[in-house]
Amino acid sequence: MAVMAEADVGRQRGQVFCTRSVPARESLEFWHDAVLATLVGMDIRTSSGTYDATMRTDRLGALRITTVDCDPGEVHRSSGRVARGDGTQVFVAVQASGTAQVEQDGRRTELRPGDIAFFETVRPYRTRFPERFQLKIFAVPRGLLGQPEAALARLTARAIRPVSGLAGLLSPFVARLADTSEDYDGPVADRMADSAVALLAATAAQQLDGEPAELPGAERVLLLRIQRFIRWNLADADLTPAVIARAHGISVRYLHRLFEQEGSTVGRWIRRLRLEECRRELTDAASIGSVARRWGFSGAPHLGRAFRREYGTSPTAWLLAGRPDDPLEAS
């Protein structure tokens, strides 16, 4: 089981995973679980059966920022792993130290310190790290980049060198942001997240030699704030579209339109986040009812119905199957 430290329990920020918290023989299995819980599922190979690695992860607005410091090795997100992912995020990584050999979408590149790369989570990729390395990873909701799927496929496995222009500005900014994310709170944290999203979207557009399909303007900033509000109030069972709209001074109809542009609905977005939180907390020792109520469900039956609709199995069956990566395997 992953051992983590919480820098701020109330806001669920500042989680730290370290393989040194478990016996060496369990380090690689521990790291697989930590990466799955924090990023996405992937296979990790090393030259030995042990692994020395540390991961710090934090949330800033709609961004999840993760810094990993690891031994040499290889990671592979296979098509099977992709089938078990929700694909809602694009990873933007900054190579802080060491090098990385990246393969995705038929391209290969090498990342050197300071370089930036985009990774698609809905398609396989492979990365080799020939030496110990540090990587800072920004998980960005794909809609905030303002690019269609075909365009995003053109961004992967390309080393963006921080020599000039937006890349020269972005690399040190996001690297520093990853190091200091816990220092920001309230409105300052919101502005920092918005600035990072705008720079990431602008860099993507520049790499594609064009303007983003949807500029990260007033509507997108509003959506980002609404999504942040939902995350902060996720445990409130009375969190409804009307409550959300009133808190932001907009109509319910306009709120629904914002989420339609993201290919979702307000209700579906809230339910998915709540189910993700329940999945993280469900254990053999946990009361399904108490976990359900903590995350806005009326009780175990309500959670059970939503869980089965989303994953094709019940929480109890999923636990009996040993919390498999893909809940469908338990059905």
C-alpha atoms as a PDB file:
ATOM      1  CA  MET A   1       0.000   0.000   0.000  1.00  0.00           C
ATOM      2  CA  ALA A   2       1.339   3.442  -0.898  1.00  0.00           C
ATOM      3  CA  VAL A   3       2.668   5.441   2.027  1.00  0.00           C
ATOM      4  CA  MET A   4       2.265   9.165   1.571  1.00  0.00           C
ATOM      5  CA  ALA A   5       2.773  12.378   3.448  1.00  0.00           C
ATOM      6  CA  GLU A   6       0.129  15.086   3.349  1.00  0.00           C
ATOM      7  CA  ALA A   7       1.389  18.656   3.414  1.00  0.00           C
ATOM      8  CA  ASP A   8      -2.181  19.967   3.583  1.00  0.00           C
ATOM      9  CA  VAL A   9      -4.812  17.372   4.427  1.00  0.00           C
ATOM     10  CA  GLY A  10      -7.716  19.802   4.235  1.00  0.00           C
ATOM     11  CA  ARG A  11      -7.016  20.630   0.587  1.00  0.00           C
ATOM     12  CA  GLN A  12      -5.595  17.182  -0.267  1.00  0.00           C
ATOM     13  CA  ARG A  13      -2.370  18.678  -1.488  1.00  0.00           C
ATOM     14  CA  GLY A  14       1.281  17.778  -1.242  1.00  0.00           C
ATOM     15  CA  GLN A  15       1.221  13.980  -1.468  1.00  0.00           C
ATOM     16  CA  VAL A  16       4.662  12.344  -1.429  1.00  0.00           C
ATOM     17  CA  PHE A  17       5.418   8.732  -2.430  1.00  0.00           C
ATOM     18  CA  CYS A  18       8.855   7.206  -1.800  1.00  0.00           C
ATOM     19  CA  THR A  19      10.009   3.658  -2.469  1.00  0.00           C
ATOM     20  CA  ARG A  20      12.283   3.847   0.577  1.00  0.00           C
ATOM     21  CA  SER A  21       9.145   3.640   2.731  1.00  0.00           C
ATOM     22  CA  VAL A  22       8.821  -0.081   1.863  1.00  0.00           C
ATOM     23  CA  PRO A  23      11.267  -3.009   1.829  1.00  0.00           C
ATOM     24  CA  ALA A  24      13.556  -2.965  -1.234  1.00  0.00           C
ATOM     25  CA  ARG A  25      12.029  -6.169  -2.625  1.00  0.00           C
ATOM     26  CA  GLU A  26       8.614  -4.417  -2.748  1.00  0.00           C
ATOM     27  CA  SER A  27       9.890  -1.130  -4.207  1.00  0.00           C
ATOM     28  CA  LEU A  28       9.003  -1.755  -7.859  1.00  0.00           C
ATOM     29  CA  GLU A  29       5.478  -2.987  -7.078  1.00  0.00           C
ATOM     30  CA  PHE A  30       5.005  -0.004  -4.759  1.00  0.00           C
ATOM     31  CA  TRP A  31       6.102   2.359  -7.550  1.00  0.00           C
ATOM     32  CA  HIS A  32       3.720   0.778 -10.068  1.00  0.00           C
ATOM     33  CA  ASP A  33       0.834   1.411  -7.644  1.00  0.00           C
ATOM     34  CA  ALA A  34       1.947   4.988  -6.925  1.00  0.00           C
ATOM     35  CA  VAL A  35       2.223   5.861 -10.623  1.00  0.00           C
ATOM     36  CA  LEU A  36      -1.185   4.334 -11.342  1.00  0.00           C
ATOM     37  CA  ALA A  37      -2.805   6.264  -8.488  1.00  0.00           C
ATOM     38  CA  THR A  38      -1.198   9.569  -9.458  1.00  0.00           C
ATOM     39  CA  LEU A  39      -0.662   9.559 -13.229  1.00  0.00           C
ATOM     40  CA  VAL A  40      -1.828   6.657 -15.423  1.00  0.00           C
ATOM     41  CA  GLY A  41      -1.192   2.943 -15.620  1.00  0.00           C
ATOM     42  CA  MET A  42       2.093   1.954 -17.243  1.00  0.00           C
ATOM     43  CA  ASP A  43       4.650  -0.856 -17.109  1.00  0.00           C
ATOM     44  CA  ILE A  44       7.987   0.013 -15.512  1.00  0.00           C
ATOM     45  CA  ARG A  45      11.153  -1.982 -16.149  1.00  0.00           C
ATOM     46  CA  THR A  46      14.548  -1.699 -14.487  1.00  0.00           C
ATOM     47  CA  SER A  47      17.849  -3.521 -14.711  1.00  0.00           C
ATOM     48  CA  SER A  48      17.274  -4.925 -11.226  1.00  0.00           C
ATOM     49  CA  GLY A  49      14.302  -5.998  -9.168  1.00  0.00           C
ATOM     50  CA  THR A  50      14.451  -2.919  -6.953  1.00  0.00           C
ATOM     51  CA  TYR A  51      13.804   0.759  -7.624  1.00  0.00           C
ATOM     52  CA  ASP A  52      14.763   3.977  -5.881  1.00  0.00           C
ATOM     53  CA  ALA A  53      12.241   6.700  -6.689  1.00  0.00           C
ATOM     54  CA  THR A  54      10.352   9.598  -5.135  1.00  0.00           C
ATOM     55  CA  MET A  55       7.245  11.385  -6.358  1.00  0.00           C
ATOM     56  CA  ARG A  56       5.669  14.598  -5.117  1.00  0.00           C
ATOM     57  CA  THR A  57       2.265  15.529  -6.491  1.00  0.00           C
ATOM     58  CA  ASP A  58       0.087  18.563  -5.944  1.00  0.00           C
ATOM     59  CA  ARG A  59      -3.020  20.224  -7.377  1.00  0.00           C
ATOM     60  CA  LEU A  60      -3.112  23.805  -8.594  1.00  0.00           C
ATOM     61  CA  GLY A  61      -6.480  24.719 -10.063  1.00  0.00           C
ATOM     62  CA  ALA A  62      -7.266  22.280 -12.868  1.00  0.00           C
ATOM     63  CA  LEU A  63      -3.636  21.146 -13.029  1.00  0.00           C
ATOM     64  CA  ARG A  64      -2.075  18.183 -11.290  1.00  0.00           C
ATOM     65  CA  ILE A  65       1.664  18.789 -10.967  1.00  0.00           C
ATOM     66  CA  THR A  66       3.925  15.800 -10.317  1.00  0.00           C
ATOM     67  CA  THR A  67       7.697  15.716  -9.863  1.00  0.00           C
ATOM     68  CA  VAL A  68       9.417  12.337 -10.097  1.00  0.00           C
ATOM     69  CA  ASP A  69      13.048  11.612  -9.215  1.00  0.00           C
ATOM     70  CA  CYS A  70      13.943   8.067 -10.303  1.00  0.00           C
ATOM     71  CA  ASP A  71      16.556   5.463 -11.064  1.00  0.00           C
ATOM     72  CA  PRO A  72      17.242   4.604 -14.725  1.00  0.00           C
ATOM     73  CA  GLY A  73      14.610   2.455 -16.380  1.00  0.00           C
ATOM     74  CA  GLU A  74      11.926   2.243 -19.020  1.00  0.00           C
ATOM     75  CA  VAL A  75       8.216   3.028 -18.896  1.00  0.00           C
ATOM     76  CA  HIS A  76       5.713   1.724 -21.412  1.00  0.00           C
ATOM     77  CA  ARG A  77       2.056   2.696 -21.660  1.00  0.00           C
ATOM     78  CA  SER A  78       0.753  -0.134 -23.792  1.00  0.00           C
ATOM     79  CA  SER A  79      -2.508  -0.332 -25.699  1.00  0.00           C
ATOM     80  CA  GLY A  80      -3.881  -2.523 -22.897  1.00  0.00           C
ATOM     81  CA  ARG A  81      -3.060   0.137 -20.336  1.00  0.00           C
ATOM     82  CA  VAL A  82      -4.618   2.806 -22.555  1.00  0.00           C
ATOM     83  CA  ALA A  83      -7.849   0.819 -22.635  1.00  0.00           C
ATOM     84  CA  ARG A  84      -8.014   1.217 -18.874  1.00  0.00           C
ATOM     85  CA  GLY A  85      -7.487   4.998 -18.887  1.00  0.00           C
ATOM     86  CA  ASP A  86     -10.066   7.735 -19.175  1.00  0.00           C
ATOM     87  CA  GLY A  87      -7.958   9.873 -21.532  1.00  0.00           C
ATOM     88  CA  THR A  88      -9.164  13.173 -20.104  1.00  0.00           C
ATOM     89  CA  GLN A  89      -5.658  14.588 -19.677  1.00  0.00           C
ATOM     90  CA  VAL A  90      -2.605  15.437 -21.738  1.00  0.00           C
ATOM     91  CA  PHE A  91       0.784  15.326 -20.006  1.00  0.00           C
ATOM     92  CA  VAL A  92       3.258  18.145 -20.514  1.00  0.00           C
ATOM     93  CA  ALA A  93       6.658  17.222 -19.088  1.00  0.00           C
ATOM     94  CA  VAL A  94       9.781  19.238 -18.380  1.00  0.00           C
ATOM     95  CA  GLN A  95      13.036  17.264 -18.247  1.00  0.00           C
ATOM     96  CA  ALA A  96      14.725  18.680 -15.144  1.00  0.00           C
ATOM     97  CA  SER A  97      17.778  16.392 -15.089  1.00  0.00           C
ATOM     98  CA  GLY A  98      19.093  13.382 -16.965  1.00  0.00           C
ATOM     99  CA  THR A  99      17.860  12.483 -20.440  1.00  0.00           C
ATOM    100  CA  ALA A 100      14.873  10.634 -21.874  1.00  0.00           C
ATOM    101  CA  GLN A 101      14.328   8.797 -25.158  1.00  0.00           C
ATOM    102  CA  VAL A 102      10.655   9.211 -26.066  1.00  0.00           C
ATOM    103  CA  GLU A 103       8.545   7.278 -28.610  1.00  0.00           C
ATOM    104  CA  GLN A 104       4.938   8.025 -29.508  1.00  0.00           C
ATOM    105  CA  ASP A 105       2.819   8.279 -32.666  1.00  0.00           C
ATOM    106  CA  GLY A 106       5.632   6.931 -34.855  1.00  0.00           C
ATOM    107  CA  ARG A 107       8.166   9.552 -33.747  1.00  0.00           C
ATOM    108  CA  ARG A 108      11.224   9.447 -31.529  1.00  0.00           C
ATOM    109  CA  THR A 109      13.114  12.207 -29.774  1.00  0.00           C
ATOM    110  CA  GLU A 110      15.558  12.759 -26.942  1.00  0.00           C
ATOM    111  CA  LEU A 111      14.808  15.133 -24.106  1.00  0.00           C
ATOM    112  CA  ARG A 112      17.643  17.007 -22.455  1.00  0.00           C
ATOM    113  CA  PRO A 113      17.467  19.156 -19.296  1.00  0.00           C
ATOM    114  CA  GLY A 114      15.079  22.041 -19.849  1.00  0.00           C
ATOM    115  CA  ASP A 115      13.287  20.438 -22.796  1.00  0.00           C
ATOM    116  CA  ILE A 116       9.477  20.203 -22.865  1.00  0.00           C
ATOM    117  CA  ALA A 117       7.407  17.380 -24.366  1.00  0.00           C
ATOM    118  CA  PHE A 118       3.717  16.584 -24.796  1.00  0.00           C
ATOM    119  CA  PHE A 119       2.465  13.053 -24.064  1.00  0.00           C
ATOM    120  CA  GLU A 120      -0.938  11.751 -25.115  1.00  0.00           C
ATOM    121  CA  THR A 121      -2.522   9.426 -22.540  1.00  0.00           C
ATOM    122  CA  VAL A 122      -5.012   7.888 -25.007  1.00  0.00           C
ATOM    123  CA  ARG A 123      -2.308   6.324 -27.195  1.00  0.00           C
ATOM    124  CA  PRO A 124       0.672   4.097 -26.346  1.00  0.00           C
ATOM    125  CA  TYR A 125       4.060   5.595 -25.625  1.00  0.00           C
ATOM    126  CA  ARG A 126       7.441   4.393 -24.453  1.00  0.00           C
ATOM    127  CA  THR A 127      10.178   6.339 -22.664  1.00  0.00           C
ATOM    128  CA  ARG A 128      13.674   5.145 -21.784  1.00  0.00           C
ATOM    129  CA  PHE A 129      15.730   6.830 -19.094  1.00  0.00           C
ATOM    130  CA  PRO A 130      19.382   5.741 -19.417  1.00  0.00           C
ATOM    131  CA  GLU A 131      20.468   7.545 -16.233  1.00  0.00           C
ATOM    132  CA  ARG A 132      18.899   8.791 -13.032  1.00  0.00           C
ATOM    133  CA  PHE A 133      16.511  11.588 -13.873  1.00  0.00           C
ATOM    134  CA  GLN A 134      14.018  14.142 -12.639  1.00  0.00           C
ATOM    135  CA  LEU A 135      10.848  14.936 -14.570  1.00  0.00           C
ATOM    136  CA  LYS A 136       8.172  17.549 -13.811  1.00  0.00           C
ATOM    137  CA  ILE A 137       4.810  16.512 -15.261  1.00  0.00           C
ATOM    138  CA  PHE A 138       1.746  18.721 -15.714  1.00  0.00           C
ATOM    139  CA  ALA A 139      -1.510  16.797 -16.235  1.00  0.00           C
ATOM    140  CA  VAL A 140      -3.702  19.198 -18.217  1.00  0.00           C
ATOM    141  CA  PRO A 141      -7.394  18.609 -19.010  1.00  0.00           C
ATOM    142  CA  ARG A 142      -7.246  18.224 -22.788  1.00  0.00           C
ATOM    143  CA  GLY A 143     -10.039  20.715 -23.419  1.00  0.00           C
ATOM    144  CA  LEU A 144      -7.993  23.525 -21.875  1.00  0.00           C
ATOM    145  CA  LEU A 145      -5.323  23.227 -24.577  1.00  0.00           C
ATOM    146  CA  GLY A 146      -7.884  24.274 -27.176  1.00  0.00           C
ATOM    147  CA  GLN A 147      -6.719  21.797 -29.818  1.00  0.00           C
ATOM    148  CA  PRO A 148      -8.574  18.995 -31.642  1.00  0.00           C
ATOM    149  CA  GLU A 149      -7.395  15.387 -31.352  1.00  0.00           C
ATOM    150  CA  ALA A 150      -5.677  15.415 -34.746  1.00  0.00           C
ATOM    151  CA  ALA A 151      -3.614  18.441 -33.752  1.00  0.00           C
ATOM    152  CA  LEU A 152      -2.605  16.961 -30.403  1.00  0.00           C
ATOM    153  CA  ALA A 153      -1.302  13.892 -32.231  1.00  0.00           C
ATOM    154  CA  ARG A 154       1.160  16.163 -34.040  1.00  0.00           C
ATOM    155  CA  LEU A 155       2.616  17.465 -30.772  1.00  0.00           C
ATOM    156  CA  THR A 156       3.776  14.213 -29.189  1.00  0.00           C
ATOM    157  CA  ALA A 157       7.382  12.933 -29.124  1.00  0.00           C
ATOM    158  CA  ARG A 158       8.799  16.308 -30.130  1.00  0.00           C
ATOM    159  CA  ALA A 159      11.464  17.961 -27.993  1.00  0.00           C
ATOM    160  CA  ILE A 160      10.598  21.628 -27.484  1.00  0.00           C
ATOM    161  CA  ARG A 161      13.914  23.333 -26.753  1.00  0.00           C
ATOM    162  CA  PRO A 162      13.813  26.339 -24.385  1.00  0.00           C
ATOM    163  CA  VAL A 163      16.056  28.493 -26.557  1.00  0.00           C
ATOM    164  CA  SER A 164      13.747  31.412 -27.372  1.00  0.00           C
ATOM    165  CA  GLY A 165      10.149  32.566 -27.680  1.00  0.00           C
ATOM    166  CA  LEU A 166       7.369  30.955 -25.698  1.00  0.00           C
ATOM    167  CA  ALA A 167       9.346  27.794 -25.019  1.00  0.00           C
ATOM    168  CA  GLY A 168      12.133  29.867 -23.485  1.00  0.00           C
ATOM    169  CA  LEU A 169       9.578  31.490 -21.196  1.00  0.00           C
ATOM    170  CA  LEU A 170       7.535  28.358 -20.454  1.00  0.00           C
ATOM    171  CA  SER A 171      10.283  25.955 -19.401  1.00  0.00           C
ATOM    172  CA  PRO A 172      11.696  27.892 -16.424  1.00  0.00           C
ATOM    173  CA  PHE A 173       8.234  29.125 -15.417  1.00  0.00           C
ATOM    174  CA  VAL A 174       6.585  25.709 -15.130  1.00  0.00           C
ATOM    175  CA  ALA A 175       9.709  24.126 -13.638  1.00  0.00           C
ATOM    176  CA  ARG A 176       9.687  26.736 -10.885  1.00  0.00           C
ATOM    177  CA  LEU A 177       5.919  26.403 -10.498  1.00  0.00           C
ATOM    178  CA  ALA A 178       6.309  22.664  -9.897  1.00  0.00           C
ATOM    179  CA  ASP A 179       8.878  23.363  -7.159  1.00  0.00           C
ATOM    180  CA  THR A 180       6.795  26.009  -5.393  1.00  0.00           C
ATOM    181  CA  SER A 181       3.175  24.951  -6.007  1.00  0.00           C
ATOM    182  CA  GLU A 182       2.496  24.456  -2.294  1.00  0.00           C
ATOM    183  CA  ASP A 183       3.410  28.099  -1.641  1.00  0.00           C
ATOM    184  CA  TYR A 184       0.338  29.386  -3.488  1.00  0.00           C
ATOM    185  CA  ASP A 185      -3.153  29.557  -2.098  1.00  0.00           C
ATOM    186  CA  GLY A 186      -6.459  31.228  -2.781  1.00  0.00           C
ATOM    187  CA  PRO A 187      -6.626  33.820  -5.582  1.00  0.00           C
ATOM    188  CA  VAL A 188      -2.862  33.711  -6.136  1.00  0.00           C
ATOM    189  CA  ALA A 189      -2.990  29.957  -6.778  1.00  0.00           C
ATOM    190  CA  ASP A 190      -5.881  30.482  -9.190  1.00  0.00           C
ATOM    191  CA  ARG A 191      -3.980  33.103 -11.166  1.00  0.00           C
ATOM    192  CA  MET A 192      -0.840  30.968 -11.316  1.00  0.00           C
ATOM    193  CA  ALA A 193      -2.822  27.993 -12.646  1.00  0.00           C
ATOM    194  CA  ASP A 194      -4.586  30.169 -15.209  1.00  0.00           C
ATOM    195  CA  SER A 195      -1.262  31.631 -16.360  1.00  0.00           C
ATOM    196  CA  ALA A 196       0.284  28.186 -16.718  1.00  0.00           C
ATOM    197  CA  VAL A 197      -2.688  26.911 -18.745  1.00  0.00           C
ATOM    198  CA  ALA A 198      -2.568  29.953 -21.029  1.00  0.00           C
ATOM    199  CA  LEU A 199       1.183  29.510 -21.642  1.00  0.00           C
ATOM    200  CA  LEU A 200       0.815  25.783 -22.295  1.00  0.00           C
ATOM    201  CA  ALA A 201      -2.027  26.380 -24.762  1.00  0.00           C
ATOM    202  CA  ALA A 202      -0.105  29.157 -26.516  1.00  0.00           C
ATOM    203  CA  THR A 203       3.020  26.982 -26.783  1.00  0.00           C
ATOM    204  CA  ALA A 204       0.977  24.139 -28.260  1.00  0.00           C
ATOM    205  CA  ALA A 205      -0.514  26.521 -30.811  1.00  0.00           C
ATOM    206  CA  GLN A 206       2.907  27.911 -31.730  1.00  0.00           C
ATOM    207  CA  GLN A 207       4.334  24.439 -32.237  1.00  0.00           C
ATOM    208  CA  LEU A 208       1.446  23.702 -34.581  1.00  0.00           C
ATOM    209  CA  ASP A 209       2.101  26.924 -36.534  1.00  0.00           C
ATOM    210  CA  GLY A 210      -1.358  28.304 -35.884  1.00  0.00           C
ATOM    211  CA  GLU A 211      -3.847  29.664 -33.444  1.00  0.00           C
ATOM    212  CA  PRO A 212      -5.564  27.377 -30.952  1.00  0.00           C
ATOM    213  CA  ALA A 213      -8.952  26.104 -31.986  1.00  0.00           C
ATOM    214  CA  GLU A 214     -10.369  27.710 -28.879  1.00  0.00           C
ATOM    215  CA  LEU A 215      -8.391  30.519 -27.308  1.00  0.00           C
ATOM    216  CA  PRO A 216      -7.941  30.290 -23.514  1.00  0.00           C
ATOM    217  CA  GLY A 217      -9.951  33.495 -23.127  1.00  0.00           C
ATOM    218  CA  ALA A 218     -12.696  34.640 -20.782  1.00  0.00           C
ATOM    219  CA  GLU A 219     -14.966  31.600 -21.316  1.00  0.00           C
ATOM    220  CA  ARG A 220     -12.162  29.134 -20.766  1.00  0.00           C
ATOM    221  CA  VAL A 221     -10.914  30.918 -17.673  1.00  0.00           C
ATOM    222  CA  LEU A 222     -14.494  30.907 -16.339  1.00  0.00           C
ATOM    223  CA  LEU A 223     -14.787  27.164 -16.977  1.00  0.00           C
ATOM    224  CA  LEU A 224     -11.477  26.595 -15.194  1.00  0.00           C
ATOM    225  CA  ARG A 225     -12.750  28.502 -12.165  1.00  0.00           C
ATOM    226  CA  ILE A 226     -16.027  26.569 -12.172  1.00  0.00           C
ATOM    227  CA  GLN A 227     -14.190  23.240 -12.303  1.00  0.00           C
ATOM    228  CA  ARG A 228     -11.998  24.363  -9.426  1.00  0.00           C
ATOM    229  CA  PHE A 229     -15.106  25.355  -7.427  1.00  0.00           C
ATOM    230  CA  ILE A 230     -16.611  21.918  -8.067  1.00  0.00           C
ATOM    231  CA  ARG A 231     -13.463  20.147  -6.841  1.00  0.00           C
ATOM    232  CA  TRP A 232     -13.395  22.212  -3.652  1.00  0.00           C
ATOM    233  CA  ASN A 233     -17.075  21.477  -2.967  1.00  0.00           C
ATOM    234  CA  LEU A 234     -17.181  17.915  -4.254  1.00  0.00           C
ATOM    235  CA  ALA A 235     -18.201  16.452  -0.892  1.00  0.00           C
ATOM    236  CA  ASP A 236     -21.288  18.684  -0.677  1.00  0.00           C
ATOM    237  CA  ALA A 237     -24.340  16.559  -1.504  1.00  0.00           C
ATOM    238  CA  ASP A 238     -26.232  19.763  -2.391  1.00  0.00           C
ATOM    239  CA  LEU A 239     -23.782  20.695  -5.162  1.00  0.00           C
ATOM    240  CA  THR A 240     -26.175  21.189  -8.093  1.00  0.00           C
ATOM    241  CA  PRO A 241     -25.985  23.073 -11.409  1.00  0.00           C
ATOM    242  CA  ALA A 242     -28.166  25.790  -9.879  1.00  0.00           C
ATOM    243  CA  VAL A 243     -25.794  26.223  -6.906  1.00  0.00           C
ATOM    244  CA  ILE A 244     -22.754  26.299  -9.186  1.00  0.00           C
ATOM    245  CA  ALA A 245     -24.320  28.783 -11.602  1.00  0.00           C
ATOM    246  CA  ARG A 246     -25.452  31.097  -8.781  1.00  0.00           C
ATOM    247  CA  ALA A 247     -21.957  31.082  -7.227  1.00  0.00           C
ATOM    248  CA  HIS A 248     -20.519  32.339 -10.520  1.00  0.00           C
ATOM    249  CA  GLY A 249     -23.248  34.774 -11.483  1.00  0.00           C
ATOM    250  CA  ILE A 250     -24.325  32.914 -14.622  1.00  0.00           C
ATOM    251  CA  SER A 251     -27.432  31.081 -15.757  1.00  0.00           C
ATOM    252  CA  VAL A 252     -27.817  27.313 -15.504  1.00  0.00           C
ATOM    253  CA  ARG A 253     -28.296  27.221 -19.276  1.00  0.00           C
ATOM    254  CA  TYR A 254     -24.961  28.986 -19.834  1.00  0.00           C
ATOM    255  CA  LEU A 255     -23.270  26.627 -17.353  1.00  0.00           C
ATOM    256  CA  HIS A 256     -24.508  23.618 -19.321  1.00  0.00           C
ATOM    257  CA  ARG A 257     -23.262  25.199 -22.552  1.00  0.00           C
ATOM    258  CA  LEU A 258     -19.746  25.585 -21.129  1.00  0.00           C
ATOM    259  CA  PHE A 259     -19.589  21.875 -20.312  1.00  0.00           C
ATOM    260  CA  GLU A 260     -21.095  20.879 -23.648  1.00  0.00           C
ATOM    261  CA  GLN A 261     -18.072  22.489 -25.293  1.00  0.00           C
ATOM    262  CA  GLU A 262     -15.954  20.036 -23.281  1.00  0.00           C
ATOM    263  CA  GLY A 263     -17.991  17.063 -24.512  1.00  0.00           C
ATOM    264  CA  SER A 264     -19.538  16.449 -21.101  1.00  0.00           C
ATOM    265  CA  THR A 265     -22.338  17.562 -18.793  1.00  0.00           C
ATOM    266  CA  VAL A 266     -22.137  19.159 -15.373  1.00  0.00           C
ATOM    267  CA  GLY A 267     -23.689  16.118 -13.700  1.00  0.00           C
ATOM    268  CA  ARG A 268     -21.460  13.626 -15.478  1.00  0.00           C
ATOM    269  CA  TRP A 269     -18.331  15.636 -14.638  1.00  0.00           C
ATOM    270  CA  ILE A 270     -19.225  15.812 -10.931  1.00  0.00           C
ATOM    271  CA  ARG A 271     -20.157  12.120 -10.789  1.00  0.00           C
ATOM    272  CA  ARG A 272     -16.881  11.041 -12.418  1.00  0.00           C
ATOM    273  CA  LEU A 273     -14.803  13.063  -9.930  1.00  0.00           C
ATOM    274  CA  ARG A 274     -16.782  11.683  -6.989  1.00  0.00           C
ATOM    275  CA  LEU A 275     -16.368   8.122  -8.191  1.00  0.00           C
ATOM    276  CA  GLU A 276     -12.625   8.641  -8.599  1.00  0.00           C
ATOM    277  CA  GLU A 277     -12.383   9.851  -4.997  1.00  0.00           C
ATOM    278  CA  CYS A 278     -14.465   6.913  -3.755  1.00  0.00           C
ATOM    279  CA  ARG A 279     -12.261   4.451  -5.641  1.00  0.00           C
ATOM    280  CA  ARG A 280      -9.168   5.933  -3.968  1.00  0.00           C
ATOM    281  CA  GLU A 281     -10.664   5.551  -0.496  1.00  0.00           C
ATOM    282  CA  LEU A 282     -12.401   2.182  -0.831  1.00  0.00           C
ATOM    283  CA  THR A 283     -10.569  -0.596   0.986  1.00  0.00           C
ATOM    284  CA  ASP A 284     -11.619  -3.858   2.590  1.00  0.00           C
ATOM    285  CA  ALA A 285     -11.648  -2.069   5.951  1.00  0.00           C
ATOM    286  CA  ALA A 286     -13.572   0.992   4.792  1.00  0.00           C
ATOM    287  CA  SER A 287     -17.320   1.338   5.127  1.00  0.00           C
ATOM    288  CA  ILE A 288     -18.777   1.769   1.652  1.00  0.00           C
ATOM    289  CA  GLY A 289     -21.572   3.860   3.119  1.00  0.00           C
ATOM    290  CA  SER A 290     -19.233   6.250   4.932  1.00  0.00           C
ATOM    291  CA  VAL A 291     -17.039   6.677   1.829  1.00  0.00           C
ATOM    292  CA  ALA A 292     -20.157   7.302  -0.255  1.00  0.00           C
ATOM    293  CA  ARG A 293     -21.515   9.972   2.092  1.00  0.00           C
ATOM    294  CA  ARG A 294     -18.116  11.652   2.379  1.00  0.00           C
ATOM    295  CA  TRP A 295     -18.153  12.291  -1.377  1.00  0.00           C
ATOM    296  CA  GLY A 296     -21.683  13.519  -1.897  1.00  0.00           C
ATOM    297  CA  PHE A 297     -23.588  10.257  -2.415  1.00  0.00           C
ATOM    298  CA  SER A 298     -26.614   9.620  -0.201  1.00  0.00           C
ATOM    299  CA  GLY A 299     -25.306   6.211   0.858  1.00  0.00           C
ATOM    300  CA  ALA A 300     -24.009   2.819  -0.280  1.00  0.00           C
ATOM    301  CA  PRO A 301     -26.956   2.062  -2.634  1.00  0.00           C
ATOM    302  CA  HIS A 302     -26.560   5.424  -4.411  1.00  0.00           C
ATOM    303  CA  LEU A 303     -22.813   4.899  -4.815  1.00  0.00           C
ATOM    304  CA  GLY A 304     -23.375   1.302  -5.918  1.00  0.00           C
ATOM    305  CA  ARG A 305     -25.711   2.321  -8.742  1.00  0.00           C
ATOM    306  CA  ALA A 306     -23.351   5.044  -9.980  1.00  0.00           C
ATOM    307  CA  PHE A 307     -20.305   2.762  -9.639  1.00  0.00           C
ATOM    308  CA  ARG A 308     -21.964  -0.009 -11.651  1.00  0.00           C
ATOM    309  CA  ARG A 309     -23.075   2.408 -14.408  1.00  0.00           C
ATOM    310  CA  GLU A 310     -19.557   3.800 -14.715  1.00  0.00           C
ATOM    311  CA  TYR A 311     -17.452   0.664 -14.227  1.00  0.00           C
ATOM    312  CA  GLY A 312     -19.765  -2.274 -14.884  1.00  0.00           C
ATOM    313  CA  THR A 313     -19.360  -3.802 -11.427  1.00  0.00           C
ATOM    314  CA  SER A 314     -20.291  -3.059  -7.822  1.00  0.00           C
ATOM    315  CA  PRO A 315     -17.882  -1.574  -5.234  1.00  0.00           C
ATOM    316  CA  THR A 316     -18.026  -4.822  -3.262  1.00  0.00           C
ATOM    317  CA  ALA A 317     -17.185  -6.993  -6.283  1.00  0.00           C
ATOM    318  CA  TRP A 318     -14.385  -4.624  -7.226  1.00  0.00           C
ATOM    319  CA  LEU A 319     -12.892  -4.921  -3.729  1.00  0.00           C
ATOM    320  CA  LEU A 320     -13.231  -8.719  -3.748  1.00  0.00           C
ATOM    321  CA  ALA A 321     -11.324  -8.776  -7.045  1.00  0.00           C
ATOM    322  CA  GLY A 322      -8.447  -6.977  -5.359  1.00  0.00           C
ATOM    323  CA  ARG A 323      -9.011  -3.448  -6.733  1.00  0.00           C
ATOM    324  CA  PRO A 324      -7.975  -4.309 -10.328  1.00  0.00           C
ATOM    325  CA  ASP A 325      -6.698  -1.514 -12.580  1.00  0.00           C
ATOM    326  CA  ASP A 326      -9.777  -1.955 -14.758  1.00  0.00           C
ATOM    327  CA  PRO A 327     -12.989  -2.343 -12.732  1.00  0.00           C
ATOM    328  CA  LEU A 328     -14.551  -4.028 -15.762  1.00  0.00           C
ATOM    329  CA  GLU A 329     -12.359  -7.030 -15.082  1.00  0.00           C
ATOM    330  CA  ALA A 330     -14.351  -7.626 -11.915  1.00  0.00           C
ATOM    331  CA  SER A 331     -17.708  -7.792 -13.658  1.00  0.00           C
END
